[in-house]
Amino acid sequence: MWNLKAANHEPILTSETYNSKARPRVGSNPARRIHPHDNRYERKTATDRSPYFVLKAANGEPIGRSEMYSSTAAMEGGITSCKNNGPSATTDDKT
């Protein structure tokens, strides 16, 4: 799996869990490429009414999911942070 982190090193977006080590590297590249496209961020509400978002690829498949936020404004801030931090994302392999 991979995490896209904000400037404060907090995770903004977390991918699915992959079966092989090669998949996260492939999966994280789309996150860096499509981050500015607002229509790729699906805004959702959890059963406890917490807002969160899912970043989707051009084919509609989920790339990653955010944490649960305390408000819609905080979630929108997370989307903005994702857009701002996506292009400068670096890889830090922890295996």
Protein backbone atom coordinates (compact mmCIF):
# COMPACT_ATOMS: atom_id res chain seq x y z
CA MET A 1 0.00 0.00 0.00
CA TRP A 2 1.05 3.62 -0.24
CA ASN A 3 0.18 6.88 1.48
CA LEU A 4 0.24 10.36 0.01
CA LYS A 5 1.35 12.66 2.81
CA ALA A 6 0.85 16.38 3.39
CA ALA A 7 3.71 18.78 4.11
CA ASN A 8 3.21 18.03 7.85
CA HIS A 9 3.81 14.30 7.06
CA GLU A 10 0.22 13.34 7.90
CA PRO A 11 -1.45 10.90 5.45
CA ILE A 12 -3.93 12.51 3.07
CA LEU A 13 -4.71 9.51 0.91
CA THR A 14 -4.21 5.76 1.41
CA SER A 15 -4.28 3.18 -1.36
CA GLU A 16 -5.68 -0.29 -1.26
CA THR A 17 -3.46 -3.11 -0.01
CA TYR A 18 -1.58 -4.81 -2.84
CA ASN A 19 -0.51 -8.45 -3.20
CA SER A 20 2.98 -7.65 -4.48
CA LYS A 21 5.59 -4.98 -3.82
CA ALA A 22 5.63 -3.82 -7.46
CA ARG A 23 1.93 -2.84 -7.48
CA PRO A 24 2.13 0.14 -5.08
CA ARG A 25 4.77 1.83 -7.24
CA VAL A 26 2.54 1.43 -10.27
CA GLY A 27 -0.53 2.51 -8.31
CA SER A 28 1.01 5.65 -6.85
CA ASN A 29 1.97 7.07 -10.24
CA PRO A 30 -1.67 7.77 -11.25
CA ALA A 31 -2.19 9.66 -7.98
CA ARG A 32 0.61 12.04 -8.91
CA ARG A 33 -0.68 12.52 -12.45
CA ILE A 34 -4.39 13.14 -11.82
CA HIS A 35 -4.33 15.05 -8.56
CA PRO A 36 -5.47 18.42 -10.02
CA HIS A 37 -8.69 17.12 -11.58
CA ASP A 38 -11.51 17.96 -9.16
CA ASN A 39 -13.95 15.59 -10.87
CA ARG A 40 -11.73 12.66 -9.82
CA TYR A 41 -12.43 13.33 -6.13
CA GLU A 42 -15.66 11.67 -5.05
CA ARG A 43 -16.98 13.29 -1.88
CA LYS A 44 -18.67 10.80 0.43
CA THR A 45 -20.22 10.55 3.87
CA ALA A 46 -19.64 7.60 6.20
CA THR A 47 -22.44 6.00 8.21
CA ASP A 48 -21.38 8.10 11.22
CA ARG A 49 -21.80 11.21 9.00
CA SER A 50 -18.05 11.86 8.77
CA PRO A 51 -17.05 13.28 5.37
CA TYR A 52 -14.25 11.67 3.37
CA PHE A 53 -13.20 11.40 -0.26
CA VAL A 54 -12.10 8.78 -2.75
CA LEU A 55 -9.67 9.63 -5.57
CA LYS A 56 -10.55 7.81 -8.78
CA ALA A 57 -8.58 7.07 -11.93
CA ALA A 58 -9.78 8.10 -15.38
CA ASN A 59 -11.48 4.69 -15.72
CA GLY A 60 -13.45 5.30 -12.51
CA GLU A 61 -11.49 2.80 -10.42
CA PRO A 62 -10.57 3.95 -6.90
CA ILE A 63 -6.93 4.90 -6.41
CA GLY A 64 -7.05 5.90 -2.77
CA ARG A 65 -9.25 6.92 0.12
CA SER A 66 -8.87 9.72 2.64
CA GLU A 67 -9.22 9.65 6.38
CA MET A 68 -12.53 10.57 7.99
CA TYR A 69 -12.86 14.31 8.57
CA SER A 70 -14.70 16.26 11.24
CA SER A 71 -16.36 18.58 8.73
CA THR A 72 -16.95 19.13 5.03
CA ALA A 73 -14.60 22.12 5.14
CA ALA A 74 -11.83 19.94 6.61
CA MET A 75 -12.43 17.35 3.87
CA GLU A 76 -12.20 20.04 1.18
CA GLY A 77 -8.92 21.12 2.79
CA GLY A 78 -7.73 17.52 2.47
CA ILE A 79 -8.61 17.50 -1.23
CA THR A 80 -6.72 20.77 -1.70
CA SER A 81 -3.74 19.31 0.15
CA CYS A 82 -3.88 16.22 -2.07
CA LYS A 83 -3.84 18.41 -5.17
CA ASN A 84 -0.94 20.48 -3.82
CA ASN A 85 1.17 17.55 -2.59
CA GLY A 86 0.55 15.07 -5.40
CA PRO A 87 3.07 16.47 -7.88
CA SER A 88 5.93 16.52 -5.39
CA ALA A 89 5.22 13.10 -3.89
CA THR A 90 8.32 11.04 -3.23
CA THR A 91 8.71 7.34 -2.55
CA ASP A 92 9.93 6.16 0.83
CA ASP A 93 10.06 2.35 0.74
CA LYS A 94 9.60 0.99 4.28
CA THR A 95 10.13 -2.70 3.41
